[in-house]
Amino acid sequence: MAYIGQSIKNGTFSVLDTSGNTYNGSNTTFSLGTQVGSAAQLLVSHDGVIQKPGTDYTLASGGASITFTTAPASGASIFIVEISGAVGGTITPSDDSVTTSKINDNAVSFAKLDSTNQSFIKSIPQSGSAKTSSYTLTTSDIGSFIEVGSSGAITIPNSTFSAGNAISLFNNTTGNITITCSITTAYIAGANTDESSVTLATRGVATILFISGTVCVISGNVS
């Protein structure tokens, strides 16, 4: 007679190498030598007695370690089997146990981001408060805009940024401000002249795009 019922589920059983662990009646947390998503994924034998997940042991270090409720005595015999795949049905990873290396590249879509991160992607954050004195750009300004206030000035340093980095500037004053180009080569977009300094007009906006650590292009209300 043919088999009647659910199809047989596939899975794997792996005995974990815990030979490096030392049981001394004091230590309770030990390395698993791998990372698992749930305590229920483990079959743990302590001196021949099967341990209950969540009661006799829990996971630690994001699923890379096991913590026993009672410290195993010196000379304890412990072996641990990892159950993976579809055995036992769906396994829900414990909180904070899934690392970025476990997620495929480009697997997380924009719609799956929370509202805070969606807002961050759709807007340009301000880098600190308004600059009211001479300020040299830093890598923490990448992807942000800088407001330049009264008496403020900007310096673009050399050999600090990488290709593709970009920073925007806003001159929130009634007069022009100076952008000093200490970087080896600085072009105004659409021109072929290496500028040592440029002027950002009142209420003007400029974006600095770095082609390399020593070359940048400045676009916007600059001259």
N, C-alpha and C. Protein backbone atom coordinates (compact mmCIF):
# COMPACT_ATOMS: atom_id res chain seq x y z
N MET A 1 0.85 -1.20 0.00
CA MET A 1 0.00 0.00 0.00
C MET A 1 0.88 1.24 0.00
N ALA A 2 0.51 2.22 -0.77
CA ALA A 2 1.30 3.46 -0.86
C ALA A 2 1.24 4.22 0.45
N TYR A 3 2.30 5.04 0.70
CA TYR A 3 2.36 5.86 1.91
C TYR A 3 1.28 6.93 1.88
N ILE A 4 0.57 7.09 2.99
CA ILE A 4 -0.47 8.10 3.11
C ILE A 4 -0.07 9.07 4.22
N GLY A 5 -0.08 10.36 3.92
CA GLY A 5 0.26 11.37 4.93
C GLY A 5 1.17 12.43 4.34
N GLN A 6 1.73 13.27 5.21
CA GLN A 6 2.61 14.32 4.76
C GLN A 6 3.88 13.73 4.17
N SER A 7 4.46 14.47 3.23
CA SER A 7 5.72 14.01 2.66
C SER A 7 6.80 14.04 3.72
N ILE A 8 7.77 13.17 3.59
CA ILE A 8 8.85 13.07 4.57
C ILE A 8 9.72 14.31 4.49
N LYS A 9 10.01 14.91 5.61
CA LYS A 9 10.79 16.14 5.64
C LYS A 9 12.28 15.79 5.63
N ASN A 10 13.06 16.66 5.00
CA ASN A 10 14.50 16.45 4.93
C ASN A 10 15.20 17.33 5.95
N GLY A 11 16.36 16.91 6.38
CA GLY A 11 17.13 17.70 7.32
C GLY A 11 18.48 17.07 7.54
N THR A 12 19.29 17.70 8.35
CA THR A 12 20.61 17.16 8.64
C THR A 12 20.85 17.16 10.14
N PHE A 13 21.69 16.22 10.58
CA PHE A 13 22.09 16.11 11.98
C PHE A 13 23.60 16.18 12.01
N SER A 14 24.14 17.11 12.78
CA SER A 14 25.59 17.28 12.86
C SER A 14 26.03 17.28 14.31
N VAL A 15 26.98 16.37 14.62
CA VAL A 15 27.55 16.36 15.97
C VAL A 15 28.56 17.49 16.06
N LEU A 16 28.35 18.40 17.00
CA LEU A 16 29.22 19.56 17.12
C LEU A 16 30.51 19.20 17.85
N ASP A 17 31.59 19.80 17.41
CA ASP A 17 32.89 19.58 18.04
C ASP A 17 33.04 20.50 19.23
N THR A 18 32.83 19.95 20.41
CA THR A 18 32.96 20.74 21.65
C THR A 18 34.16 20.26 22.47
N SER A 19 35.12 19.63 21.78
CA SER A 19 36.27 19.04 22.50
C SER A 19 37.12 20.09 23.20
N GLY A 20 37.01 21.34 22.76
CA GLY A 20 37.82 22.38 23.39
C GLY A 20 37.23 22.93 24.67
N ASN A 21 36.03 22.49 25.03
CA ASN A 21 35.37 23.01 26.23
C ASN A 21 35.88 22.30 27.48
N THR A 22 36.00 23.04 28.55
CA THR A 22 36.46 22.49 29.83
C THR A 22 35.33 22.55 30.85
N TYR A 23 34.94 21.39 31.38
CA TYR A 23 33.88 21.30 32.39
C TYR A 23 34.54 21.15 33.75
N ASN A 24 34.25 22.11 34.64
CA ASN A 24 34.92 22.10 35.94
C ASN A 24 33.99 22.37 37.11
N GLY A 25 32.69 22.32 36.89
CA GLY A 25 31.75 22.57 37.96
C GLY A 25 31.52 24.04 38.23
N SER A 26 32.19 24.91 37.46
CA SER A 26 32.06 26.36 37.66
C SER A 26 31.58 27.06 36.39
N ASN A 27 32.21 26.73 35.27
CA ASN A 27 31.83 27.36 34.00
C ASN A 27 30.44 26.89 33.56
N THR A 28 29.66 27.82 33.04
CA THR A 28 28.32 27.46 32.55
C THR A 28 28.16 27.72 31.06
N THR A 29 28.99 28.57 30.48
CA THR A 29 28.86 28.94 29.08
C THR A 29 30.02 28.38 28.27
N PHE A 30 29.67 27.75 27.13
CA PHE A 30 30.68 27.07 26.32
C PHE A 30 30.42 27.33 24.83
N SER A 31 31.50 27.33 24.06
CA SER A 31 31.40 27.55 22.62
C SER A 31 30.77 26.34 21.94
N LEU A 32 29.94 26.62 20.91
CA LEU A 32 29.35 25.56 20.11
C LEU A 32 30.19 25.25 18.87
N GLY A 33 31.10 26.14 18.52
CA GLY A 33 31.90 25.94 17.33
C GLY A 33 31.15 26.27 16.05
N THR A 34 29.93 26.78 16.19
CA THR A 34 29.11 27.18 15.06
C THR A 34 28.06 28.15 15.60
N GLN A 35 27.13 28.57 14.77
CA GLN A 35 26.07 29.47 15.21
C GLN A 35 24.72 28.87 14.84
N VAL A 36 23.83 28.81 15.80
CA VAL A 36 22.49 28.27 15.56
C VAL A 36 21.45 29.34 15.89
N GLY A 37 20.28 29.16 15.34
CA GLY A 37 19.25 30.18 15.49
C GLY A 37 18.33 29.98 16.67
N SER A 38 18.26 28.76 17.22
CA SER A 38 17.32 28.48 18.30
C SER A 38 17.85 27.36 19.17
N ALA A 39 17.59 27.45 20.47
CA ALA A 39 18.00 26.38 21.38
C ALA A 39 17.35 25.06 21.01
N ALA A 40 16.16 25.14 20.39
CA ALA A 40 15.44 23.93 19.99
C ALA A 40 16.12 23.21 18.83
N GLN A 41 17.12 23.86 18.22
CA GLN A 41 17.87 23.22 17.14
C GLN A 41 18.91 22.24 17.67
N LEU A 42 19.09 22.21 18.97
CA LEU A 42 20.15 21.39 19.56
C LEU A 42 19.55 20.21 20.32
N LEU A 43 20.20 19.06 20.18
CA LEU A 43 19.92 17.89 21.00
C LEU A 43 21.12 17.74 21.92
N VAL A 44 20.92 18.00 23.21
CA VAL A 44 22.03 18.06 24.16
C VAL A 44 21.92 16.92 25.16
N SER A 45 23.01 16.15 25.26
CA SER A 45 23.07 15.05 26.24
C SER A 45 24.10 15.39 27.30
N HIS A 46 23.69 15.37 28.55
CA HIS A 46 24.57 15.66 29.69
C HIS A 46 24.62 14.41 30.56
N ASP A 47 25.76 13.68 30.48
CA ASP A 47 25.91 12.41 31.21
C ASP A 47 24.76 11.45 30.90
N GLY A 48 24.36 11.42 29.62
CA GLY A 48 23.34 10.49 29.19
C GLY A 48 21.92 10.97 29.37
N VAL A 49 21.75 12.18 29.91
CA VAL A 49 20.41 12.72 30.15
C VAL A 49 20.15 13.83 29.14
N ILE A 50 19.08 13.70 28.35
CA ILE A 50 18.72 14.72 27.38
C ILE A 50 18.25 15.98 28.10
N GLN A 51 18.79 17.12 27.69
CA GLN A 51 18.49 18.40 28.33
C GLN A 51 17.34 19.11 27.62
N LYS A 52 16.56 19.85 28.40
CA LYS A 52 15.39 20.55 27.86
C LYS A 52 15.77 21.97 27.45
N PRO A 53 15.54 22.33 26.17
CA PRO A 53 15.86 23.70 25.72
C PRO A 53 15.07 24.74 26.50
N GLY A 54 15.75 25.82 26.86
CA GLY A 54 15.10 26.91 27.56
C GLY A 54 15.00 26.70 29.06
N THR A 55 15.16 25.46 29.51
CA THR A 55 15.11 25.15 30.94
C THR A 55 16.49 24.74 31.44
N ASP A 56 17.06 23.73 30.81
CA ASP A 56 18.37 23.24 31.21
C ASP A 56 19.50 24.01 30.54
N TYR A 57 19.19 24.64 29.41
CA TYR A 57 20.21 25.41 28.71
C TYR A 57 19.55 26.45 27.80
N THR A 58 20.30 27.49 27.50
CA THR A 58 19.88 28.55 26.57
C THR A 58 21.07 28.87 25.66
N LEU A 59 20.82 29.69 24.65
CA LEU A 59 21.90 30.13 23.77
C LEU A 59 22.49 31.44 24.25
N ALA A 60 23.73 31.66 23.93
CA ALA A 60 24.42 32.91 24.26
C ALA A 60 25.26 33.33 23.06
N SER A 61 25.78 34.56 23.12
CA SER A 61 26.65 35.09 22.06
C SER A 61 26.02 34.98 20.69
N GLY A 62 24.71 35.31 20.61
CA GLY A 62 24.02 35.28 19.33
C GLY A 62 23.90 33.91 18.72
N GLY A 63 23.87 32.88 19.57
CA GLY A 63 23.72 31.52 19.07
C GLY A 63 25.02 30.80 18.85
N ALA A 64 26.15 31.42 19.21
CA ALA A 64 27.46 30.79 19.03
C ALA A 64 27.91 30.03 20.27
N SER A 65 27.20 30.19 21.38
CA SER A 65 27.56 29.52 22.63
C SER A 65 26.31 28.96 23.30
N ILE A 66 26.53 28.02 24.20
CA ILE A 66 25.45 27.42 24.99
C ILE A 66 25.71 27.72 26.46
N THR A 67 24.66 28.06 27.19
CA THR A 67 24.77 28.32 28.63
C THR A 67 23.89 27.33 29.38
N PHE A 68 24.50 26.54 30.25
CA PHE A 68 23.77 25.58 31.06
C PHE A 68 23.25 26.25 32.32
N THR A 69 22.06 25.85 32.75
CA THR A 69 21.50 26.38 34.00
C THR A 69 22.36 25.97 35.18
N THR A 70 22.84 24.74 35.16
CA THR A 70 23.72 24.21 36.20
C THR A 70 25.07 23.89 35.57
N ALA A 71 26.14 24.37 36.19
CA ALA A 71 27.48 24.16 35.63
C ALA A 71 27.80 22.67 35.58
N PRO A 72 28.20 22.15 34.43
CA PRO A 72 28.58 20.74 34.33
C PRO A 72 29.77 20.43 35.24
N ALA A 73 29.70 19.30 35.91
CA ALA A 73 30.76 18.92 36.84
C ALA A 73 32.03 18.55 36.09
N SER A 74 33.14 18.53 36.78
CA SER A 74 34.41 18.14 36.19
C SER A 74 34.30 16.72 35.64
N GLY A 75 34.75 16.55 34.40
CA GLY A 75 34.69 15.24 33.78
C GLY A 75 33.35 14.88 33.20
N ALA A 76 32.42 15.83 33.14
CA ALA A 76 31.09 15.56 32.60
C ALA A 76 31.19 15.13 31.14
N SER A 77 30.29 14.23 30.76
CA SER A 77 30.23 13.74 29.38
C SER A 77 29.08 14.45 28.68
N ILE A 78 29.43 15.31 27.74
CA ILE A 78 28.41 16.11 27.05
C ILE A 78 28.63 16.00 25.54
N PHE A 79 27.57 15.69 24.83
CA PHE A 79 27.65 15.81 23.39
C PHE A 79 26.43 16.56 22.89
N ILE A 80 26.63 17.29 21.79
CA ILE A 80 25.59 18.17 21.26
C ILE A 80 25.42 17.90 19.78
N VAL A 81 24.17 17.70 19.37
CA VAL A 81 23.84 17.47 17.97
C VAL A 81 23.02 18.66 17.47
N GLU A 82 23.45 19.23 16.35
CA GLU A 82 22.68 20.30 15.73
C GLU A 82 21.70 19.71 14.72
N ILE A 83 20.45 20.10 14.83
CA ILE A 83 19.40 19.65 13.91
C ILE A 83 19.08 20.82 13.00
N SER A 84 19.27 20.64 11.71
CA SER A 84 19.01 21.73 10.77
C SER A 84 18.17 21.22 9.62
N GLY A 85 17.76 22.15 8.75
CA GLY A 85 16.89 21.79 7.64
C GLY A 85 15.45 21.80 8.08
N ALA A 86 14.63 20.91 7.51
CA ALA A 86 13.19 20.91 7.75
C ALA A 86 12.78 19.96 8.86
N VAL A 87 13.75 19.31 9.49
CA VAL A 87 13.39 18.37 10.56
C VAL A 87 12.67 19.09 11.67
N GLY A 88 11.54 18.58 12.08
CA GLY A 88 10.79 19.18 13.18
C GLY A 88 9.98 20.38 12.77
N GLY A 89 9.92 20.70 11.47
CA GLY A 89 9.12 21.84 11.04
C GLY A 89 9.90 23.13 11.06
N THR A 90 9.19 24.24 11.11
CA THR A 90 9.80 25.56 11.05
C THR A 90 10.52 25.89 12.34
N ILE A 91 11.74 26.42 12.21
CA ILE A 91 12.53 26.83 13.39
C ILE A 91 12.64 28.35 13.37
N THR A 92 12.24 28.99 14.45
CA THR A 92 12.33 30.45 14.56
C THR A 92 13.62 30.84 15.26
N PRO A 93 14.50 31.60 14.61
CA PRO A 93 15.75 32.01 15.25
C PRO A 93 15.47 32.84 16.50
N SER A 94 16.36 32.72 17.48
CA SER A 94 16.21 33.53 18.68
C SER A 94 16.54 34.98 18.37
N ASP A 95 16.10 35.89 19.23
CA ASP A 95 16.33 37.31 19.01
C ASP A 95 17.81 37.61 18.88
N ASP A 96 18.15 38.50 17.94
CA ASP A 96 19.51 38.98 17.73
C ASP A 96 20.49 37.87 17.37
N SER A 97 20.00 36.78 16.77
CA SER A 97 20.89 35.67 16.43
C SER A 97 21.25 35.62 14.95
N VAL A 98 20.52 36.37 14.10
CA VAL A 98 20.78 36.34 12.66
C VAL A 98 21.75 37.46 12.30
N THR A 99 22.89 37.08 11.72
CA THR A 99 23.90 38.06 11.34
C THR A 99 23.77 38.41 9.87
N THR A 100 24.43 39.49 9.44
CA THR A 100 24.33 39.94 8.05
C THR A 100 24.86 38.90 7.08
N SER A 101 25.83 38.08 7.53
CA SER A 101 26.40 37.07 6.64
C SER A 101 25.39 35.99 6.29
N LYS A 102 24.31 35.88 7.06
CA LYS A 102 23.28 34.87 6.80
C LYS A 102 22.21 35.36 5.82
N ILE A 103 22.28 36.64 5.43
CA ILE A 103 21.27 37.23 4.54
C ILE A 103 21.88 37.44 3.17
N ASN A 104 21.20 37.02 2.14
CA ASN A 104 21.69 37.20 0.77
C ASN A 104 21.82 38.68 0.44
N ASP A 105 22.83 39.02 -0.36
CA ASP A 105 22.98 40.39 -0.84
C ASP A 105 21.72 40.80 -1.59
N ASN A 106 21.29 42.05 -1.37
CA ASN A 106 20.10 42.62 -2.03
C ASN A 106 18.80 41.92 -1.66
N ALA A 107 18.80 41.16 -0.55
CA ALA A 107 17.59 40.42 -0.17
C ALA A 107 16.57 41.30 0.54
N VAL A 108 17.02 42.39 1.16
CA VAL A 108 16.11 43.26 1.92
C VAL A 108 15.68 44.43 1.04
N SER A 109 14.40 44.50 0.74
CA SER A 109 13.88 45.57 -0.12
C SER A 109 13.60 46.82 0.70
N PHE A 110 13.41 47.93 0.01
CA PHE A 110 13.11 49.21 0.67
C PHE A 110 11.83 49.10 1.50
N ALA A 111 10.83 48.36 1.00
CA ALA A 111 9.55 48.24 1.69
C ALA A 111 9.68 47.53 3.03
N LYS A 112 10.76 46.74 3.21
CA LYS A 112 10.94 46.00 4.46
C LYS A 112 11.66 46.81 5.53
N LEU A 113 12.14 47.99 5.19
CA LEU A 113 12.79 48.84 6.18
C LEU A 113 11.74 49.52 7.05
N ASP A 114 12.09 49.79 8.31
CA ASP A 114 11.15 50.50 9.16
C ASP A 114 11.07 51.97 8.73
N SER A 115 10.08 52.68 9.23
CA SER A 115 9.83 54.05 8.78
C SER A 115 11.02 54.97 9.05
N THR A 116 11.76 54.73 10.14
CA THR A 116 12.90 55.58 10.47
C THR A 116 13.98 55.46 9.41
N ASN A 117 14.31 54.21 9.02
CA ASN A 117 15.36 54.01 8.03
C ASN A 117 14.89 54.40 6.63
N GLN A 118 13.60 54.25 6.33
CA GLN A 118 13.09 54.72 5.05
C GLN A 118 13.26 56.23 4.95
N SER A 119 12.96 56.94 6.04
CA SER A 119 13.09 58.39 6.05
C SER A 119 14.54 58.80 5.87
N PHE A 120 15.46 58.05 6.49
CA PHE A 120 16.88 58.37 6.38
C PHE A 120 17.35 58.26 4.94
N ILE A 121 16.87 57.22 4.23
CA ILE A 121 17.30 57.01 2.85
C ILE A 121 16.72 58.09 1.95
N LYS A 122 15.49 58.52 2.21
CA LYS A 122 14.83 59.49 1.34
C LYS A 122 15.20 60.93 1.64
N SER A 123 15.91 61.19 2.72
CA SER A 123 16.29 62.56 3.08
C SER A 123 17.79 62.65 3.30
N ILE A 124 18.31 63.88 3.29
CA ILE A 124 19.73 64.11 3.54
C ILE A 124 19.88 64.66 4.95
N PRO A 125 20.49 63.93 5.87
CA PRO A 125 20.61 64.41 7.25
C PRO A 125 21.63 65.54 7.35
N GLN A 126 21.46 66.37 8.36
CA GLN A 126 22.42 67.44 8.61
C GLN A 126 23.56 66.91 9.46
N SER A 127 24.77 67.30 9.13
CA SER A 127 25.95 66.88 9.88
C SER A 127 26.26 67.92 10.95
N GLY A 128 25.84 67.63 12.17
CA GLY A 128 26.11 68.55 13.28
C GLY A 128 25.34 69.85 13.17
N SER A 129 25.78 70.83 13.92
CA SER A 129 25.15 72.15 13.92
C SER A 129 25.81 73.04 12.88
N ALA A 130 25.25 74.24 12.69
CA ALA A 130 25.80 75.18 11.70
C ALA A 130 27.25 75.53 12.03
N LYS A 131 28.08 75.62 11.00
CA LYS A 131 29.49 75.93 11.18
C LYS A 131 29.67 77.45 11.14
N THR A 132 30.14 78.00 12.23
CA THR A 132 30.29 79.45 12.33
C THR A 132 31.75 79.87 12.45
N SER A 133 32.64 78.95 12.09
CA SER A 133 34.08 79.25 12.02
C SER A 133 34.66 78.35 10.94
N SER A 134 35.95 78.40 10.75
CA SER A 134 36.58 77.57 9.74
C SER A 134 36.40 76.09 10.09
N TYR A 135 35.93 75.30 9.12
CA TYR A 135 35.64 73.89 9.38
C TYR A 135 36.22 73.04 8.25
N THR A 136 36.96 72.00 8.63
CA THR A 136 37.52 71.05 7.67
C THR A 136 36.65 69.82 7.60
N LEU A 137 36.26 69.44 6.40
CA LEU A 137 35.37 68.29 6.22
C LEU A 137 36.03 67.01 6.73
N THR A 138 35.20 66.10 7.28
CA THR A 138 35.68 64.80 7.76
C THR A 138 34.80 63.70 7.17
N THR A 139 35.24 62.47 7.33
CA THR A 139 34.49 61.34 6.77
C THR A 139 33.13 61.17 7.44
N SER A 140 32.95 61.72 8.63
CA SER A 140 31.64 61.63 9.29
C SER A 140 30.59 62.51 8.60
N ASP A 141 31.04 63.39 7.70
CA ASP A 141 30.11 64.27 6.96
C ASP A 141 29.57 63.62 5.69
N ILE A 142 30.11 62.47 5.30
CA ILE A 142 29.71 61.82 4.05
C ILE A 142 28.21 61.53 4.05
N GLY A 143 27.56 61.87 2.94
CA GLY A 143 26.14 61.61 2.80
C GLY A 143 25.25 62.60 3.53
N SER A 144 25.83 63.66 4.07
CA SER A 144 25.07 64.65 4.84
C SER A 144 25.19 66.03 4.19
N PHE A 145 24.41 66.98 4.75
CA PHE A 145 24.63 68.37 4.34
C PHE A 145 25.13 69.16 5.52
N ILE A 146 25.95 70.17 5.21
CA ILE A 146 26.53 71.02 6.24
C ILE A 146 26.00 72.43 6.05
N GLU A 147 25.42 72.97 7.11
CA GLU A 147 24.97 74.35 7.10
C GLU A 147 26.13 75.24 7.53
N VAL A 148 26.40 76.26 6.74
CA VAL A 148 27.46 77.21 7.07
C VAL A 148 26.81 78.51 7.50
N GLY A 149 27.10 78.91 8.75
CA GLY A 149 26.52 80.12 9.30
C GLY A 149 27.46 81.30 9.23
N SER A 150 27.10 82.37 9.93
CA SER A 150 27.89 83.59 9.94
C SER A 150 29.33 83.30 10.37
N SER A 151 30.29 83.85 9.59
CA SER A 151 31.74 83.70 9.84
C SER A 151 32.26 82.30 9.54
N GLY A 152 31.43 81.46 8.95
CA GLY A 152 31.85 80.10 8.65
C GLY A 152 32.62 80.01 7.34
N ALA A 153 33.45 78.99 7.23
CA ALA A 153 34.21 78.71 6.01
C ALA A 153 34.48 77.21 5.97
N ILE A 154 34.70 76.68 4.78
CA ILE A 154 34.87 75.24 4.61
C ILE A 154 36.21 74.94 3.95
N THR A 155 36.87 73.88 4.42
CA THR A 155 38.10 73.40 3.79
C THR A 155 37.91 71.95 3.36
N ILE A 156 38.30 71.66 2.12
CA ILE A 156 38.25 70.29 1.60
C ILE A 156 39.65 69.69 1.75
N PRO A 157 39.85 68.71 2.63
CA PRO A 157 41.19 68.17 2.86
C PRO A 157 41.63 67.19 1.77
N ASN A 158 42.90 66.92 1.72
CA ASN A 158 43.45 65.98 0.75
C ASN A 158 43.57 64.59 1.36
N SER A 159 43.47 63.58 0.51
CA SER A 159 43.69 62.18 0.91
C SER A 159 42.85 61.77 2.12
N THR A 160 41.60 62.18 2.13
CA THR A 160 40.70 61.85 3.25
C THR A 160 39.51 61.03 2.79
N PHE A 161 39.00 61.33 1.61
CA PHE A 161 37.77 60.68 1.13
C PHE A 161 38.07 59.67 0.04
N SER A 162 37.03 58.90 -0.32
CA SER A 162 37.16 57.87 -1.35
C SER A 162 36.21 58.15 -2.50
N ALA A 163 36.46 57.48 -3.63
CA ALA A 163 35.63 57.67 -4.81
C ALA A 163 34.17 57.38 -4.50
N GLY A 164 33.28 58.30 -4.90
CA GLY A 164 31.85 58.13 -4.67
C GLY A 164 31.33 58.83 -3.44
N ASN A 165 32.20 59.22 -2.53
CA ASN A 165 31.76 59.99 -1.36
C ASN A 165 31.21 61.34 -1.82
N ALA A 166 30.20 61.83 -1.13
CA ALA A 166 29.60 63.12 -1.49
C ALA A 166 29.14 63.86 -0.24
N ILE A 167 29.29 65.17 -0.26
CA ILE A 167 28.87 66.03 0.84
C ILE A 167 28.24 67.28 0.24
N SER A 168 27.13 67.73 0.82
CA SER A 168 26.47 68.96 0.35
C SER A 168 26.69 70.08 1.36
N LEU A 169 26.73 71.30 0.84
CA LEU A 169 26.92 72.50 1.67
C LEU A 169 25.77 73.46 1.42
N PHE A 170 25.36 74.16 2.49
CA PHE A 170 24.34 75.21 2.36
C PHE A 170 24.84 76.46 3.03
N ASN A 171 24.96 77.52 2.28
CA ASN A 171 25.41 78.81 2.81
C ASN A 171 24.19 79.56 3.34
N ASN A 172 23.98 79.48 4.64
CA ASN A 172 22.81 80.12 5.25
C ASN A 172 23.18 81.50 5.80
N THR A 173 23.78 82.30 4.94
CA THR A 173 24.17 83.67 5.35
C THR A 173 23.76 84.65 4.25
N THR A 174 23.92 85.93 4.54
CA THR A 174 23.57 86.98 3.57
C THR A 174 24.74 87.32 2.65
N GLY A 175 25.88 86.64 2.83
CA GLY A 175 27.05 86.93 2.00
C GLY A 175 27.66 85.65 1.46
N ASN A 176 28.68 85.81 0.64
CA ASN A 176 29.39 84.65 0.09
C ASN A 176 30.29 84.01 1.15
N ILE A 177 30.59 82.74 0.97
CA ILE A 177 31.56 82.07 1.83
C ILE A 177 32.63 81.42 0.95
N THR A 178 33.78 81.16 1.55
CA THR A 178 34.90 80.58 0.82
C THR A 178 35.05 79.09 1.13
N ILE A 179 35.24 78.33 0.06
CA ILE A 179 35.56 76.91 0.20
C ILE A 179 37.01 76.75 -0.23
N THR A 180 37.88 76.44 0.71
CA THR A 180 39.30 76.27 0.42
C THR A 180 39.55 74.83 -0.03
N CYS A 181 40.23 74.68 -1.15
CA CYS A 181 40.44 73.34 -1.73
C CYS A 181 41.87 72.88 -1.46
N SER A 182 42.08 72.31 -0.29
CA SER A 182 43.40 71.76 0.03
C SER A 182 43.63 70.42 -0.66
N ILE A 183 42.57 69.85 -1.17
CA ILE A 183 42.69 68.62 -1.94
C ILE A 183 43.55 68.90 -3.19
N THR A 184 44.26 67.88 -3.68
CA THR A 184 45.20 68.09 -4.79
C THR A 184 44.54 68.74 -6.00
N THR A 185 43.38 68.21 -6.42
CA THR A 185 42.70 68.74 -7.60
C THR A 185 41.22 68.93 -7.31
N ALA A 186 40.72 70.14 -7.57
CA ALA A 186 39.30 70.44 -7.38
C ALA A 186 38.78 71.16 -8.60
N TYR A 187 37.74 70.59 -9.21
CA TYR A 187 37.12 71.20 -10.39
C TYR A 187 35.75 71.73 -10.03
N ILE A 188 35.35 72.84 -10.68
CA ILE A 188 33.95 73.24 -10.70
C ILE A 188 33.30 72.46 -11.84
N ALA A 189 32.15 71.85 -11.58
CA ALA A 189 31.49 71.04 -12.59
C ALA A 189 31.32 71.82 -13.89
N GLY A 190 31.73 71.20 -14.99
CA GLY A 190 31.61 71.85 -16.30
C GLY A 190 32.81 72.66 -16.70
N ALA A 191 33.84 72.68 -15.86
CA ALA A 191 35.06 73.44 -16.17
C ALA A 191 36.27 72.54 -16.01
N ASN A 192 37.39 72.96 -16.59
CA ASN A 192 38.60 72.13 -16.56
C ASN A 192 39.74 72.82 -15.83
N THR A 193 39.41 73.71 -14.91
CA THR A 193 40.42 74.45 -14.15
C THR A 193 40.54 73.90 -12.74
N ASP A 194 41.77 73.64 -12.32
CA ASP A 194 42.01 73.19 -10.95
C ASP A 194 41.91 74.40 -10.02
N GLU A 195 40.95 74.38 -9.12
CA GLU A 195 40.68 75.52 -8.25
C GLU A 195 41.35 75.34 -6.88
N SER A 196 41.97 76.41 -6.39
CA SER A 196 42.54 76.38 -5.04
C SER A 196 41.50 76.80 -4.01
N SER A 197 40.49 77.55 -4.49
CA SER A 197 39.37 77.94 -3.63
C SER A 197 38.20 78.33 -4.52
N VAL A 198 36.99 78.19 -3.99
CA VAL A 198 35.79 78.61 -4.74
C VAL A 198 34.89 79.38 -3.79
N THR A 199 33.96 80.12 -4.38
CA THR A 199 33.04 80.94 -3.60
C THR A 199 31.64 80.36 -3.71
N LEU A 200 31.01 80.14 -2.56
CA LEU A 200 29.62 79.67 -2.52
C LEU A 200 28.72 80.86 -2.24
N ALA A 201 27.79 81.11 -3.16
CA ALA A 201 26.95 82.30 -3.08
C ALA A 201 25.98 82.26 -1.90
N THR A 202 25.50 83.45 -1.52
CA THR A 202 24.54 83.55 -0.42
C THR A 202 23.31 82.67 -0.66
N ARG A 203 22.90 81.96 0.37
CA ARG A 203 21.80 80.99 0.33
C ARG A 203 22.02 79.93 -0.75
N GLY A 204 23.28 79.76 -1.13
CA GLY A 204 23.59 78.80 -2.19
C GLY A 204 23.81 77.40 -1.65
N VAL A 205 23.66 76.44 -2.55
CA VAL A 205 23.89 75.02 -2.24
C VAL A 205 24.95 74.48 -3.17
N ALA A 206 25.86 73.69 -2.62
CA ALA A 206 26.90 73.06 -3.44
C ALA A 206 27.06 71.62 -2.99
N THR A 207 27.39 70.76 -3.94
CA THR A 207 27.67 69.36 -3.63
C THR A 207 29.08 69.03 -4.07
N ILE A 208 29.83 68.41 -3.19
CA ILE A 208 31.20 68.00 -3.48
C ILE A 208 31.20 66.50 -3.72
N LEU A 209 31.54 66.09 -4.93
CA LEU A 209 31.62 64.67 -5.28
C LEU A 209 33.10 64.30 -5.40
N PHE A 210 33.52 63.31 -4.62
CA PHE A 210 34.92 62.90 -4.65
C PHE A 210 35.13 61.81 -5.69
N ILE A 211 36.04 62.08 -6.61
CA ILE A 211 36.39 61.11 -7.65
C ILE A 211 37.45 60.16 -7.13
N SER A 212 38.25 60.66 -6.21
CA SER A 212 39.26 59.87 -5.51
C SER A 212 39.63 60.64 -4.26
N GLY A 213 40.64 60.18 -3.55
CA GLY A 213 41.07 60.91 -2.36
C GLY A 213 41.74 62.22 -2.67
N THR A 214 42.14 62.39 -3.93
CA THR A 214 42.88 63.60 -4.30
C THR A 214 42.19 64.45 -5.38
N VAL A 215 41.01 64.00 -5.82
CA VAL A 215 40.28 64.74 -6.86
C VAL A 215 38.81 64.84 -6.48
N CYS A 216 38.25 66.06 -6.65
CA CYS A 216 36.81 66.24 -6.40
C CYS A 216 36.22 67.19 -7.44
N VAL A 217 34.91 67.13 -7.56
CA VAL A 217 34.16 68.03 -8.45
C VAL A 217 33.11 68.74 -7.61
N ILE A 218 33.00 70.05 -7.74
CA ILE A 218 32.05 70.84 -6.96
C ILE A 218 30.98 71.40 -7.88
N SER A 219 29.73 71.11 -7.60
CA SER A 219 28.64 71.62 -8.42
C SER A 219 27.72 72.47 -7.56
N GLY A 220 26.94 73.34 -8.21
CA GLY A 220 26.00 74.17 -7.49
C GLY A 220 26.25 75.65 -7.70
N ASN A 221 25.91 76.43 -6.67
CA ASN A 221 26.01 77.90 -6.78
C ASN A 221 27.41 78.38 -6.41
N VAL A 222 28.41 77.89 -7.17
CA VAL A 222 29.80 78.23 -6.88
C VAL A 222 30.46 78.89 -8.07
N SER A 223 31.50 79.63 -7.77
CA SER A 223 32.27 80.30 -8.82
C SER A 223 33.72 80.41 -8.39
